[in-house]
Protein backbone atom coordinates (compact mmCIF):
# COMPACT_ATOMS: atom_id res chain seq x y z
CA VAL A 1 -16.30 3.90 -60.44
CA CYS A 2 -16.55 4.70 -64.38
CA LYS A 3 -19.82 2.48 -64.04
CA VAL A 4 -21.29 4.71 -61.03
CA LYS A 5 -20.40 7.75 -62.72
CA PHE A 6 -22.19 6.17 -65.71
CA ALA A 7 -25.40 5.13 -64.01
CA MET A 8 -25.44 8.76 -62.24
CA GLY A 9 -25.96 10.34 -65.54
CA CYS A 10 -22.65 11.70 -65.73
CA GLY A 11 -22.36 11.13 -69.29
CA GLY A 12 -24.27 11.51 -72.48
CA SER A 13 -25.62 14.71 -74.17
CA LYS A 14 -26.76 18.09 -72.64
CA SER A 15 -30.18 18.74 -72.35
CA ALA A 16 -32.61 21.19 -69.97
CA GLU A 17 -32.03 19.30 -66.83
CA ASP A 18 -28.27 19.66 -67.69
CA PRO A 19 -26.17 22.10 -65.03
CA ALA A 20 -24.14 23.54 -67.93
CA SER A 21 -27.74 24.82 -69.51
CA ALA A 22 -29.31 25.23 -66.60
CA PRO A 23 -30.29 28.93 -66.09
CA SER A 24 -28.18 30.82 -63.14
CA SER A 25 -30.65 29.45 -60.15
CA ALA A 26 -29.54 25.78 -60.68
CA PRO A 27 -27.01 25.44 -58.33
CA LYS A 28 -28.99 26.95 -55.57
CA ALA A 29 -31.78 24.10 -56.32
CA GLU A 30 -28.90 21.54 -56.74
CA LYS A 31 -27.51 22.59 -53.07
CA ASN A 32 -30.85 22.30 -51.70
CA ALA A 33 -31.90 18.92 -53.16
CA GLU A 34 -28.65 17.66 -51.94
CA SER A 35 -29.25 19.05 -48.43
CA MET A 36 -32.76 17.01 -48.86
CA SER A 37 -31.34 13.61 -49.85
CA THR A 38 -28.80 13.85 -46.80
CA ALA A 39 -31.40 14.51 -44.30
CA ALA A 40 -33.36 11.89 -45.59
CA ALA A 41 -30.16 9.67 -45.76
CA THR A 42 -29.47 10.65 -42.05
CA SER A 43 -33.62 9.83 -41.56
CA GLY A 44 -33.05 6.59 -43.31
CA THR A 45 -29.80 5.53 -41.51
CA ALA A 46 -31.30 6.24 -37.46
CA GLU A 47 -34.12 3.93 -38.83
CA GLY A 48 -32.03 1.64 -39.84
CA LEU A 49 -29.90 1.73 -36.96
CA GLN A 50 -32.90 0.44 -34.77
CA SER A 51 -33.83 -2.33 -37.20
CA ASP A 52 -34.16 -6.15 -35.89
CA ASP A 53 -33.11 -7.11 -39.43
CA PRO A 54 -29.18 -7.94 -39.63
CA GLU A 55 -29.32 -7.27 -43.18
CA VAL A 56 -30.91 -3.39 -42.69
CA LEU A 57 -28.88 -3.10 -39.75
CA ARG A 58 -25.66 -3.81 -41.45
CA ARG A 59 -26.77 -1.55 -44.15
CA ALA A 60 -27.70 1.26 -41.80
CA LEU A 61 -23.77 1.00 -39.94
CA SER A 62 -22.04 1.13 -43.30
CA SER A 63 -23.69 4.71 -44.44
CA ALA A 64 -23.39 5.99 -41.04
CA TRP A 65 -19.68 4.57 -40.95
CA SER A 66 -19.15 6.16 -44.59
CA ARG A 67 -20.43 9.89 -43.16
CA GLY A 68 -18.28 10.02 -40.63
CA GLN A 69 -21.46 9.19 -37.85
CA HIS A 70 -20.90 8.10 -34.43
CA GLY A 71 -22.10 7.99 -30.89
CA PRO A 72 -23.93 5.58 -28.70
CA GLU A 73 -27.02 4.66 -31.21
CA VAL A 74 -23.84 3.54 -33.78
CA THR A 75 -22.41 1.49 -30.77
CA ALA A 76 -25.48 0.03 -29.71
CA ALA A 77 -26.26 -0.92 -33.40
CA GLU A 78 -22.56 -2.75 -33.95
CA SER A 79 -23.27 -4.89 -30.64
CA ARG A 80 -26.32 -5.63 -32.13
CA LEU A 81 -25.34 -6.73 -35.62
CA ARG A 82 -22.54 -9.04 -33.90
CA ALA A 83 -24.76 -10.45 -31.67
CA SER A 84 -26.99 -11.57 -33.92
CA LEU A 85 -24.92 -13.31 -36.81
CA LYS A 86 -22.60 -14.48 -33.80
CA LEU A 87 -19.43 -12.89 -35.32
CA PRO A 88 -16.29 -12.83 -33.77
CA ALA A 89 -15.25 -10.22 -31.41
CA ASP A 90 -12.10 -9.62 -33.44
CA TRP A 91 -13.73 -9.18 -36.81
CA ASP A 92 -13.70 -5.31 -37.93
CA LEU A 93 -16.79 -4.65 -38.11
CA LYS A 94 -16.49 -1.73 -41.21
CA VAL A 95 -14.91 -4.11 -43.36
CA PHE A 96 -18.01 -6.32 -42.82
CA CYS A 97 -20.37 -4.10 -42.91
CA ALA A 98 -18.51 -3.21 -46.55
CA GLY A 99 -18.54 -6.55 -48.11
CA ARG A 100 -20.78 -7.74 -50.57
CA ARG A 101 -24.13 -9.80 -49.99
CA LEU A 102 -24.77 -13.15 -51.38
CA GLU A 103 -28.02 -14.51 -51.66
CA GLY A 104 -28.97 -18.15 -50.87
CA GLY A 105 -26.93 -21.17 -50.52
CA LEU A 106 -24.27 -21.94 -52.85
CA GLY A 107 -21.33 -24.55 -52.34
CA GLY A 108 -20.79 -25.67 -48.92
CA ARG A 109 -22.89 -22.44 -47.63
CA LYS A 110 -26.24 -23.18 -46.52
CA ALA A 111 -27.86 -19.60 -46.97
CA SER A 112 -27.01 -16.04 -48.17
CA THR A 113 -24.13 -14.47 -46.43
CA VAL A 114 -22.06 -11.33 -46.56
CA VAL A 115 -18.58 -11.86 -47.61
CA ALA A 116 -15.72 -9.42 -47.17
CA PHE A 117 -11.49 -10.16 -47.55
CA HIS A 118 -9.64 -7.80 -44.73
CA PRO A 119 -6.13 -6.91 -45.86
CA GLN A 120 -3.92 -7.71 -42.80
CA PRO A 121 -1.96 -6.09 -41.07
CA PRO A 122 1.90 -6.60 -40.71
CA ALA A 123 2.35 -8.68 -37.92
CA VAL A 124 0.13 -11.51 -39.17
CA VAL A 125 2.18 -10.90 -42.72
CA LYS A 126 5.06 -11.62 -40.42
CA ALA A 127 3.31 -15.11 -38.92
CA MET A 128 2.37 -15.96 -42.05
CA GLN A 129 5.81 -15.76 -44.04
CA SER A 130 7.22 -17.57 -40.75
CA VAL A 131 5.03 -20.26 -40.88
CA LEU A 132 5.60 -20.75 -44.44
CA ASP A 133 9.42 -21.00 -43.82
CA GLY A 134 8.94 -22.90 -40.51
CA THR A 135 7.13 -25.91 -42.66
CA TYR A 136 9.34 -26.01 -45.39
CA ARG A 137 10.48 -29.63 -47.02
CA LYS A 138 12.30 -30.15 -50.05
CA VAL A 139 10.62 -33.11 -50.66
CA TYR A 140 9.01 -33.86 -54.47
CA THR A 141 5.91 -35.97 -54.87
CA ARG A 142 4.44 -36.88 -58.59
CA ASP A 143 1.86 -34.35 -57.90
CA ARG A 144 4.21 -31.77 -59.09
CA ARG A 145 4.23 -33.25 -62.29
CA GLY A 146 7.61 -32.45 -63.24
CA ALA A 147 7.81 -29.02 -61.89
CA PRO A 148 10.82 -27.93 -59.79
CA ILE A 149 10.04 -27.42 -56.16
CA PRO A 150 10.53 -23.66 -55.09
CA ASP A 151 13.11 -22.93 -52.48
CA ARG A 152 11.22 -20.24 -50.46
CA PHE A 153 7.84 -18.31 -50.76
CA VAL A 154 7.73 -15.07 -49.73
CA VAL A 155 4.61 -13.71 -48.78
CA LYS A 156 3.26 -10.93 -50.88
CA GLU A 157 -0.43 -10.18 -49.28
CA VAL A 158 -2.65 -11.84 -46.47
CA HIS A 159 -6.17 -11.00 -46.62
CA ARG A 160 -8.84 -12.39 -43.79
CA VAL A 161 -11.93 -13.67 -44.91
CA LEU A 162 -15.41 -12.63 -43.27
CA ASN A 163 -17.97 -14.73 -44.31
CA ASP A 164 -21.15 -14.52 -41.66
CA GLN A 165 -22.72 -17.69 -42.57
CA VAL A 166 -19.67 -20.17 -43.44
CA TRP A 167 -18.68 -18.86 -39.98
CA ARG A 168 -21.74 -19.71 -38.30
CA GLU A 169 -21.87 -23.00 -39.90
CA TYR A 170 -18.29 -23.64 -38.51
CA GLU A 171 -19.02 -22.67 -35.62
CA ALA A 172 -21.80 -25.16 -35.02
CA ARG A 173 -19.96 -27.81 -36.01
CA ARG A 174 -17.23 -27.01 -33.65
CA GLU A 175 -19.49 -26.92 -30.76
CA GLY A 176 -20.69 -30.44 -31.87
CA VAL A 177 -17.29 -31.70 -31.39
CA ARG A 178 -16.31 -30.01 -28.33
CA GLU A 179 -19.90 -32.46 -26.73
CA ALA A 180 -18.37 -35.97 -28.48
CA CYS A 181 -14.72 -34.40 -27.24
CA ALA A 182 -15.88 -34.05 -23.43
CA SER A 183 -14.94 -37.90 -22.43
CA LYS A 184 -11.94 -38.19 -24.19
CA LYS A 185 -9.00 -35.49 -24.33
CA ALA A 186 -8.59 -34.88 -28.74
CA GLU A 187 -5.48 -34.47 -30.40
CA LEU A 188 -3.21 -34.66 -33.37
CA PRO A 189 -0.32 -36.79 -32.96
CA ASP A 190 2.73 -34.90 -32.25
CA GLY A 191 1.02 -31.81 -32.68
CA SER A 192 0.61 -29.95 -36.47
CA HIS A 193 3.84 -28.31 -37.93
CA THR A 194 2.03 -25.39 -38.56
CA VAL A 195 0.95 -24.63 -34.69
CA ASN A 196 3.86 -26.14 -33.31
CA HIS A 197 5.93 -23.59 -35.37
CA LEU A 198 3.86 -21.05 -34.38
CA SER A 199 4.37 -21.47 -30.75
CA GLN A 200 8.01 -21.61 -31.32
CA SER A 201 8.40 -18.29 -32.83
CA GLY A 202 5.93 -16.47 -31.27
CA GLY A 203 3.63 -15.70 -34.10
CA LEU A 204 1.05 -17.88 -33.03
CA SER A 205 0.06 -14.42 -30.72
CA ALA A 206 -0.49 -12.48 -33.66
CA LEU A 207 -3.15 -15.12 -34.85
CA PRO A 208 -6.93 -15.58 -33.50
CA PRO A 209 -6.60 -18.30 -30.80
CA LEU A 210 -7.41 -21.63 -31.06
CA ASP A 211 -9.65 -23.95 -29.11
CA PRO A 212 -7.24 -27.18 -27.81
CA VAL A 213 -10.74 -28.42 -26.55
CA VAL A 214 -11.87 -30.02 -30.14
CA ASN A 215 -8.11 -29.92 -31.13
CA GLU A 216 -8.14 -26.80 -33.44
CA HIS A 217 -5.13 -26.18 -35.67
CA TRP A 218 -4.21 -23.71 -38.33
CA LEU A 219 -3.77 -25.51 -41.38
CA PHE A 220 -2.79 -25.20 -45.33
CA HIS A 221 -4.89 -25.72 -48.66
CA GLY A 222 -3.08 -25.25 -51.44
CA THR A 223 -5.30 -23.65 -54.56
CA THR A 224 -5.41 -20.86 -56.99
CA ALA A 225 -6.67 -17.12 -56.96
CA GLU A 226 -9.88 -18.15 -58.33
CA ALA A 227 -10.70 -21.38 -56.86
CA ALA A 228 -9.84 -19.31 -53.35
CA LYS A 229 -12.13 -16.77 -53.90
CA GLY A 230 -14.69 -19.52 -54.41
CA ILE A 231 -13.94 -21.02 -51.59
CA ALA A 232 -14.09 -17.70 -49.36
CA GLU A 233 -17.13 -17.06 -50.80
CA ASN A 234 -18.88 -19.86 -51.22
CA ASP A 235 -17.36 -22.64 -48.60
CA PHE A 236 -15.19 -25.94 -49.90
CA ARG A 237 -17.51 -28.31 -52.20
CA LEU A 238 -17.10 -31.96 -51.14
CA ASP A 239 -18.46 -32.88 -54.82
CA MET A 240 -15.22 -31.34 -55.90
CA SER A 241 -13.10 -33.76 -53.89
CA GLY A 242 -10.40 -35.11 -55.78
CA SER A 243 -10.23 -33.03 -58.62
CA ASN A 244 -7.05 -31.53 -57.65
CA ALA A 245 -5.24 -33.46 -55.19
CA GLY A 246 -6.90 -37.11 -55.41
CA THR A 247 -8.52 -39.52 -53.39
CA LEU A 248 -6.32 -41.56 -51.54
CA TYR A 249 -8.15 -41.42 -48.47
CA GLY A 250 -11.39 -41.05 -49.88
CA LYS A 251 -13.62 -38.07 -50.60
CA GLY A 252 -12.78 -35.46 -48.41
CA ILE A 253 -11.22 -31.74 -47.73
CA TYR A 254 -6.95 -32.41 -48.02
CA LEU A 255 -5.22 -29.98 -45.71
CA ALA A 256 -1.21 -29.70 -44.66
CA GLU A 257 0.95 -28.74 -42.26
CA ASN A 258 3.78 -28.40 -44.93
CA ALA A 259 3.92 -25.59 -47.20
CA THR A 260 5.60 -27.42 -49.62
CA LYS A 261 3.15 -29.75 -50.08
CA SER A 262 0.20 -27.44 -50.36
CA ASP A 263 2.08 -25.93 -52.99
CA GLU A 264 1.53 -28.73 -55.17
CA TYR A 265 -2.23 -27.26 -55.62
CA GLY A 266 -1.41 -23.87 -56.20
CA GLU A 267 -1.09 -22.05 -59.79
CA GLY A 268 0.40 -24.16 -62.23
CA PRO A 269 0.42 -27.87 -63.18
CA LYS A 270 -0.72 -29.79 -60.42
CA GLY A 271 -1.40 -33.53 -59.64
CA PRO A 272 -2.84 -35.93 -59.14
CA ALA A 273 -0.16 -36.87 -61.92
CA SER A 274 -0.98 -41.05 -61.55
CA THR A 275 -2.73 -43.79 -59.91
CA GLY A 276 -1.21 -43.26 -56.99
CA GLU A 277 -1.35 -40.22 -54.82
CA GLU A 278 2.58 -39.49 -54.78
CA ALA A 279 5.56 -41.58 -55.43
CA GLU A 280 6.01 -44.91 -53.41
CA MET A 281 9.26 -43.66 -52.09
CA GLY A 282 9.58 -39.45 -51.68
CA PHE A 283 13.21 -38.43 -50.80
CA GLU A 284 14.59 -34.71 -49.50
CA ALA A 285 15.88 -32.79 -52.18
CA PRO A 286 14.72 -34.82 -55.39
CA ARG A 287 15.09 -33.37 -58.97
CA PRO A 288 12.50 -33.45 -61.09
CA PRO A 289 11.67 -36.42 -63.44
CA PRO A 290 13.38 -35.76 -67.10
CA GLY A 291 11.47 -34.82 -69.89
CA PRO A 292 10.12 -30.86 -70.47
CA PRO A 293 9.42 -29.53 -67.37
CA PRO A 294 5.92 -27.44 -67.34
CA PRO A 295 5.83 -23.61 -67.34
CA LEU A 296 7.38 -22.16 -64.28
CA VAL A 297 4.57 -20.21 -62.49
CA ARG A 298 6.06 -17.69 -59.82
CA GLU A 299 2.79 -16.34 -58.27
CA SER A 300 0.40 -18.53 -56.28
CA TYR A 301 -2.17 -18.40 -53.49
CA ILE A 302 -2.55 -21.06 -50.27
CA LEU A 303 -5.58 -20.54 -47.53
CA VAL A 304 -4.40 -20.64 -43.92
CA CYS A 305 -7.67 -22.75 -42.52
CA ARG A 306 -8.98 -23.06 -39.09
CA SER A 307 -9.70 -26.89 -38.90
CA THR A 308 -11.65 -28.80 -36.15
CA LEU A 309 -9.93 -32.28 -36.01
CA GLY A 310 -11.96 -33.59 -33.04
CA ARG A 311 -11.05 -37.42 -32.95
CA VAL A 312 -8.00 -38.33 -35.08
CA ASN A 313 -8.00 -41.93 -36.53
CA TYR A 314 -4.48 -42.57 -37.73
CA ASN A 315 -3.58 -44.06 -40.53
CA ASP A 316 0.06 -45.54 -41.87
CA GLU A 317 -1.07 -48.09 -44.62
CA GLN A 318 0.65 -47.76 -47.90
CA ARG A 319 -3.17 -48.63 -49.56
CA PRO A 320 -5.70 -47.32 -47.46
CA ASP A 321 -9.71 -48.25 -47.97
CA PRO A 322 -10.99 -44.63 -48.11
CA ASP A 323 -14.37 -45.99 -47.71
CA ARG A 324 -13.85 -47.25 -44.50
CA LEU A 325 -11.74 -44.21 -43.28
CA GLN A 326 -14.51 -41.82 -44.97
CA LYS A 327 -17.20 -43.60 -42.76
CA SER A 328 -14.89 -43.79 -39.42
CA CYS A 329 -16.00 -39.91 -39.44
CA LEU A 330 -19.17 -39.76 -40.86
CA SER A 331 -20.89 -42.31 -38.82
CA GLY A 332 -18.24 -44.09 -36.37
CA ASP A 333 -16.31 -42.50 -33.65
CA TYR A 334 -13.78 -39.89 -35.38
CA ASP A 335 -14.02 -36.91 -36.77
CA SER A 336 -10.90 -36.78 -39.31
CA VAL A 337 -8.17 -38.60 -40.60
CA LEU A 338 -4.23 -38.46 -40.21
CA GLY A 339 -2.52 -39.99 -43.58
CA ASP A 340 1.15 -40.51 -42.29
CA ARG A 341 2.82 -40.37 -45.67
CA LEU A 342 5.98 -39.20 -43.74
CA LYS A 343 6.23 -42.25 -41.64
CA LEU A 344 5.43 -44.53 -44.97
CA ASN A 345 7.74 -42.76 -47.50
CA ARG A 346 9.55 -39.65 -45.99
CA THR A 347 6.93 -37.05 -47.94
CA PHE A 348 4.06 -35.74 -46.07
CA ARG A 349 1.46 -36.13 -43.16
CA GLU A 350 -1.90 -35.49 -44.74
CA ILE A 351 -5.24 -34.33 -42.49
CA ILE A 352 -8.76 -35.09 -44.25
CA VAL A 353 -12.08 -33.95 -43.10
CA TYR A 354 -14.96 -35.62 -44.55
CA ASN A 355 -17.97 -32.33 -43.54
CA ASP A 356 -16.93 -28.50 -44.89
CA ASP A 357 -17.83 -27.40 -42.06
CA HIS A 358 -14.96 -28.80 -40.23
CA VAL A 359 -13.32 -26.47 -41.92
CA TYR A 360 -13.18 -22.17 -41.99
CA PRO A 361 -10.81 -20.61 -44.97
CA GLU A 362 -9.30 -17.50 -42.58
CA TYR A 363 -6.75 -16.34 -44.75
CA ILE A 364 -5.53 -16.32 -48.05
CA VAL A 365 -2.05 -16.01 -48.52
CA LYS A 366 -0.76 -14.77 -51.90
CA TYR A 367 2.70 -15.32 -52.30
CA GLU A 368 5.57 -15.53 -54.69
CA ARG A 369 7.87 -19.09 -55.68
CA ILE A 370 11.75 -18.02 -55.40
CA PHE A 371 13.92 -20.75 -57.14
CA PHE A 372 17.46 -20.68 -55.63
CA HIS A 373 19.47 -21.69 -59.38
CA GLU A 374 17.96 -18.64 -60.84
CA ARG A 375 19.42 -16.52 -57.95
CA PHE A 376 22.50 -18.03 -57.70
CA ALA A 377 23.24 -17.62 -61.77
CA ALA A 378 21.96 -13.86 -61.29
CA VAL A 379 24.45 -13.75 -58.58
CA TYR A 380 27.23 -15.56 -60.65
CA LYS A 381 27.12 -13.57 -63.74
CA ALA A 382 27.35 -10.35 -62.03
CA MET A 383 30.57 -11.39 -59.96
CA LEU A 384 32.08 -12.90 -63.42
CA ASP A 385 31.02 -9.50 -65.40
CA ARG A 386 32.97 -7.80 -62.51
CA SER A 387 35.88 -10.68 -63.24
CA ILE A 388 36.18 -10.02 -66.97
CA ALA A 389 36.53 -6.61 -66.51
CA GLY A 390 39.51 -7.11 -63.76
CA ARG A 391 37.20 -5.72 -60.79
CA PHE A 392 35.96 -8.95 -59.06
CA LYS A 393 37.32 -8.54 -55.28
CA GLY A 394 34.93 -11.32 -54.16
CA PRO A 395 31.28 -11.43 -53.59
CA THR A 396 29.78 -7.85 -52.14
CA LYS A 397 28.34 -7.48 -49.34
CA GLU A 398 24.61 -7.96 -51.01
CA GLU A 399 25.38 -10.46 -53.05
CA THR A 400 26.73 -12.61 -49.92
CA GLU A 401 23.57 -11.86 -48.06
CA VAL A 402 21.43 -13.01 -50.89
CA LEU A 403 23.41 -16.13 -51.49
CA GLN A 404 23.66 -16.61 -47.67
CA SER A 405 19.80 -16.50 -47.28
CA MET A 406 18.52 -18.86 -50.04
CA TRP A 407 21.59 -21.62 -49.31
CA GLN A 408 20.00 -21.61 -45.82
CA VAL A 409 16.73 -22.63 -47.26
CA TYR A 410 18.40 -24.82 -50.26
CA SER A 411 20.48 -26.59 -47.47
CA MET A 412 17.87 -27.08 -45.16
CA PRO A 413 16.77 -30.88 -46.03
CA ASN A 414 20.55 -31.58 -45.08
CA LYS A 415 20.83 -29.24 -42.13
CA GLY A 416 22.74 -26.52 -43.59
CA LYS A 417 25.08 -29.10 -46.24
CA ILE A 418 23.83 -30.23 -49.54
CA SER A 419 23.85 -33.38 -51.66
CA LYS A 420 25.33 -34.58 -54.86
CA SER A 421 22.05 -34.08 -56.55
CA GLN A 422 21.64 -30.54 -55.16
CA LEU A 423 25.29 -29.53 -56.53
CA LEU A 424 24.19 -31.37 -60.10
CA ASP A 425 21.75 -28.68 -59.73
CA LEU A 426 23.38 -25.65 -58.80
CA LEU A 427 25.94 -26.37 -61.65
CA LEU A 428 23.21 -26.68 -64.31
CA ALA A 429 21.87 -23.45 -63.47
CA ILE A 430 25.32 -22.05 -64.40
CA TYR A 431 25.79 -24.12 -67.29
CA GLN A 432 29.20 -25.94 -65.70
CA PRO A 433 27.70 -29.68 -65.28
CA PRO A 434 30.36 -32.45 -64.97
CA ASP A 435 31.04 -34.65 -67.99
CA ASN A 436 28.56 -37.17 -66.72
CA GLU A 437 26.67 -38.01 -63.22
CA ASP A 438 28.58 -40.67 -62.16
CA GLU A 439 32.58 -40.74 -61.54
CA ASP A 440 32.94 -37.18 -62.73
CA LEU A 441 30.34 -35.64 -60.76
CA ASP A 442 31.61 -37.49 -57.47
CA ALA A 443 34.87 -35.82 -58.51
CA THR A 444 33.54 -32.33 -58.57
CA PHE A 445 31.67 -33.28 -55.57
CA LYS A 446 35.05 -33.87 -53.85
CA GLU A 447 36.57 -30.92 -55.06
CA TRP A 448 33.64 -28.79 -53.61
CA ASP A 449 34.24 -31.21 -50.49
CA ARG A 450 37.50 -29.12 -49.07
CA LYS A 451 36.99 -30.13 -45.44
CA GLY A 452 36.76 -33.96 -47.09
CA ASN A 453 33.81 -34.38 -44.37
CA GLY A 454 31.49 -35.87 -47.29
CA LYS A 455 29.36 -32.79 -47.26
CA ILE A 456 29.25 -29.35 -49.24
CA ASP A 457 28.56 -26.68 -46.12
CA TRP A 458 28.24 -22.71 -46.97
CA ASP A 459 32.10 -22.43 -46.54
CA ASP A 460 32.74 -25.10 -49.59
CA PHE A 461 30.38 -23.42 -51.37
CA LEU A 462 31.12 -19.82 -50.93
CA ALA A 463 34.94 -20.51 -51.80
CA GLU A 464 34.64 -22.60 -54.88
CA VAL A 465 32.15 -20.42 -56.67
CA THR A 466 34.27 -17.68 -55.56
CA GLN A 467 37.30 -19.69 -57.56
CA ARG A 468 35.27 -20.67 -60.68
CA VAL A 469 34.21 -16.82 -60.50
CA ASN A 470 38.28 -16.02 -60.33
CA ASP A 471 39.09 -18.39 -63.48
CA LYS A 472 36.25 -16.64 -65.02
CA ILE A 473 34.70 -20.01 -65.99
CA SER A 474 31.83 -18.77 -68.00
CA CYS A 475 28.43 -19.40 -67.20
CA SER A 476 26.41 -18.21 -70.74
CA GLY A 477 23.98 -20.67 -72.21
CA PRO A 478 24.52 -20.05 -75.62
CA GLU A 479 28.53 -20.02 -75.20
CA ARG A 480 28.11 -23.67 -73.25
CA PHE A 481 26.19 -24.42 -76.18
CA ALA A 482 28.65 -23.44 -79.19
CA ASP A 483 31.29 -25.35 -76.96
CA ILE A 484 29.10 -28.64 -76.69
CA TYR A 485 28.35 -28.57 -80.70
CA ARG A 486 31.79 -27.92 -81.01
CA GLY A 487 33.13 -30.99 -78.98
CA MET A 488 30.15 -33.18 -80.46
CA LEU A 489 31.73 -32.22 -83.99
CA ALA A 490 35.10 -33.24 -83.72
CA ARG A 491 33.86 -36.70 -82.02
CA SER A 492 31.46 -36.97 -85.36
CA ARG A 493 34.40 -36.29 -87.38
CA GLY A 494 36.85 -38.73 -85.65
CA GLY A 495 33.93 -41.00 -85.98
CA LYS A 496 33.02 -41.43 -82.20
CA PHE A 497 29.64 -39.61 -82.24
CA ASN A 498 26.73 -41.47 -81.05
CA GLY A 499 24.60 -38.74 -79.89
CA PRO A 500 24.94 -35.98 -76.88
CA ASP A 501 26.18 -37.83 -73.74
CA VAL A 502 24.64 -37.18 -70.72
CA GLY A 503 26.56 -34.30 -69.18
CA GLU A 504 25.53 -32.48 -72.93
CA ARG A 505 22.22 -33.45 -72.89
CA ALA A 506 21.92 -31.53 -69.69
CA VAL A 507 23.24 -28.52 -70.38
CA LEU A 508 21.47 -28.38 -73.99
CA ARG A 509 18.18 -29.10 -71.85
CA MET A 510 18.80 -26.07 -69.72
CA VAL A 511 19.98 -23.92 -72.95
CA TRP A 512 16.65 -24.87 -74.21
CA TYR A 513 14.44 -23.61 -71.42
CA GLN A 514 16.73 -20.33 -71.27
CA TYR A 515 15.47 -19.81 -74.81
CA CYS A 516 12.37 -20.64 -74.53
CA GLN A 517 11.65 -19.00 -71.29
CA ASN A 518 10.75 -22.00 -69.72
CA GLN A 519 7.51 -23.24 -71.84
CA ARG A 520 7.59 -26.43 -73.51
CA ASN A 521 8.38 -25.20 -76.74
CA ILE A 522 10.03 -22.26 -79.30
CA ASP A 523 8.54 -20.11 -81.79
CA LYS A 524 10.41 -18.87 -84.66
CA GLN A 525 12.31 -16.15 -83.30
CA GLN A 526 13.80 -18.42 -80.55
CA LEU A 527 14.99 -20.43 -82.66
CA LEU A 528 16.70 -18.31 -84.41
CA LEU A 529 18.31 -17.50 -81.72
CA LEU A 530 19.47 -20.81 -80.70
CA LEU A 531 20.98 -21.21 -84.89
CA LYS A 532 22.69 -17.98 -84.25
CA ALA A 533 24.51 -19.42 -80.88
CA ILE A 534 26.30 -21.98 -83.06
CA ASN A 535 26.81 -19.49 -86.27
CA GLN A 536 24.21 -21.26 -88.30
CA PRO A 537 21.58 -18.70 -89.05
CA PRO A 538 19.31 -19.27 -92.15
CA ALA A 539 20.01 -17.19 -94.98
CA ASN A 540 17.10 -14.60 -94.52
CA GLU A 541 15.07 -13.92 -91.51
CA HIS A 542 11.66 -14.48 -93.68
CA SER A 543 11.30 -17.60 -96.47
CA ASP A 544 14.63 -19.34 -95.33
CA LEU A 545 13.21 -18.94 -91.49
CA ASP A 546 9.75 -20.04 -92.33
CA GLU A 547 11.32 -23.14 -94.11
CA THR A 548 14.17 -24.02 -91.71
CA PHE A 549 11.42 -23.75 -88.82
CA LYS A 550 9.32 -26.39 -90.91
CA GLU A 551 11.79 -28.90 -91.21
CA ILE A 552 12.79 -29.09 -87.66
CA ASP A 553 8.96 -29.28 -87.00
CA THR A 554 8.59 -32.88 -87.72
CA LYS A 555 5.55 -32.77 -85.79
CA ASN A 556 3.85 -30.91 -87.73
CA ASP A 557 2.01 -29.34 -84.56
CA GLY A 558 3.34 -25.51 -85.52
CA VAL A 559 5.75 -25.22 -82.74
CA ILE A 560 9.53 -27.16 -81.74
CA ASP A 561 9.65 -28.62 -78.75
CA LEU A 562 12.68 -30.16 -76.87
CA ASP A 563 12.86 -33.55 -78.60
CA GLU A 564 12.48 -31.78 -82.12
CA PHE A 565 15.52 -29.68 -81.19
CA MET A 566 17.64 -32.28 -79.71
CA GLU A 567 17.16 -34.59 -83.04
CA GLU A 568 18.23 -31.75 -85.28
CA ILE A 569 21.50 -30.50 -83.29
CA THR A 570 22.19 -34.43 -83.42
CA GLN A 571 21.66 -34.42 -87.14
CA ARG A 572 23.52 -31.47 -88.01
CA VAL A 573 26.30 -32.70 -85.84
CA LYS A 574 26.53 -35.76 -87.88
CA ASP A 575 26.21 -34.14 -91.22
CA GLY A 576 29.04 -32.18 -89.95
CA ILE A 577 27.67 -28.71 -90.41
CA PRO A 578 30.23 -26.36 -88.33
CA ALA A 579 29.74 -24.10 -85.58
């Protein structure tokens, strides 16, 4: 806005033409000039509404609507523009005509276009939330790069992409596939999880219709904000294939039917992390590998794409031949590939197309990643504070609703129950892990499993958490850090200290990430807080803190990482420094 105002001469010093220094007749002259300008614009718009040039027609319509102009000539112009550009009947023309003109071809887009982003109504947002929830599966693959799997994706915004050139390219290809599918029905084995869920939940009616003849589906493509905008404006780029998702099935556009899979390639660290596209064996409710996790990035984006799959080449090979698969679609009898890693490794099915015109990026969905262990820790602390103050009478209605809604997603992989590894994650979140991940974890699991059926369900979970709050078991990271330090110190004085055990390392790791705010290293002030937790602050917070920081920074890279922290704590215990 400021730039527009500046261009119109709203800034600068006064001149003889400035209204403040003009004679008293200036306001009248300005009014006359304004009337003349409006009349000229109206005349220009009238001519534009009769134009055969789609771009002139678009601009004329936008101008007419901006002045509140309606009538038969505007209605007729709308119909001619929609027909000329072959726009879908449900596109909002006002939003489209107010869009941005992009000249020339770029990326996968072959010619000039107009692109606009249309904010979607609550019904579409609800459908998107439903399909993200309904296709969620808590399965870990290497492409997460060690980042934890979110326990839910909460939709914040949905925009529909209106790009006339990219749409026409997609529609033309769709018609070509229709001809190829005329002799034989094209279908995706078992359908797609996305469309299956939307059909069952009633959300499909909130979205534009799909064409079953060409095997059209709604599928996900995980991405970043910048990349989503680039794809929306310039289409998918096959020359960028493999830069984010790997090329196990060749250089194509990789689509997913599970939101969890596409989330791997959103904002934050992303794969592929190894020569393999994923772990040899995926499994339900896994935990990230040991070592520092990447920073948590909470906000991300996903494209919900209209995808023409046509004739599908099914593949369930552990090591597929990417060239053969690619050729089967580009010069063979198929239009897309279904890589069934769900059957092979219990991870995900992936759908690949090798022509950008098989996919139209219909929606950009902005969402927030929710992590159950963080919400659980916050609720537990609130209850514990009331317990310590003598005011705890069980979880409040709101606390129960929060815990139950998160539990439903967290326990989804095991049909409403959790496994030992999930229990361990929850205990770590409140700094109450078992002494080890073998016998003591087994014993703890049996304690929580009050029904004795080998699973922990919602009732078991809530009862045990309530009991721990009543027993006033701490969930404080600093307190647990101090307790562990004193325990290691006692073993050291008895000559039995060989370093932190598994349980101690797990808690120290969680404490570390609390202080470093989920980053990979800490600064001087964060080190100061850690040392204060065990009553070992430096003599002063300036020169002595600087010296302490340099001593611990054994890699001399200006930061302290988890390994350096563990080494320092271990050494302090061996040196017998009291807490």
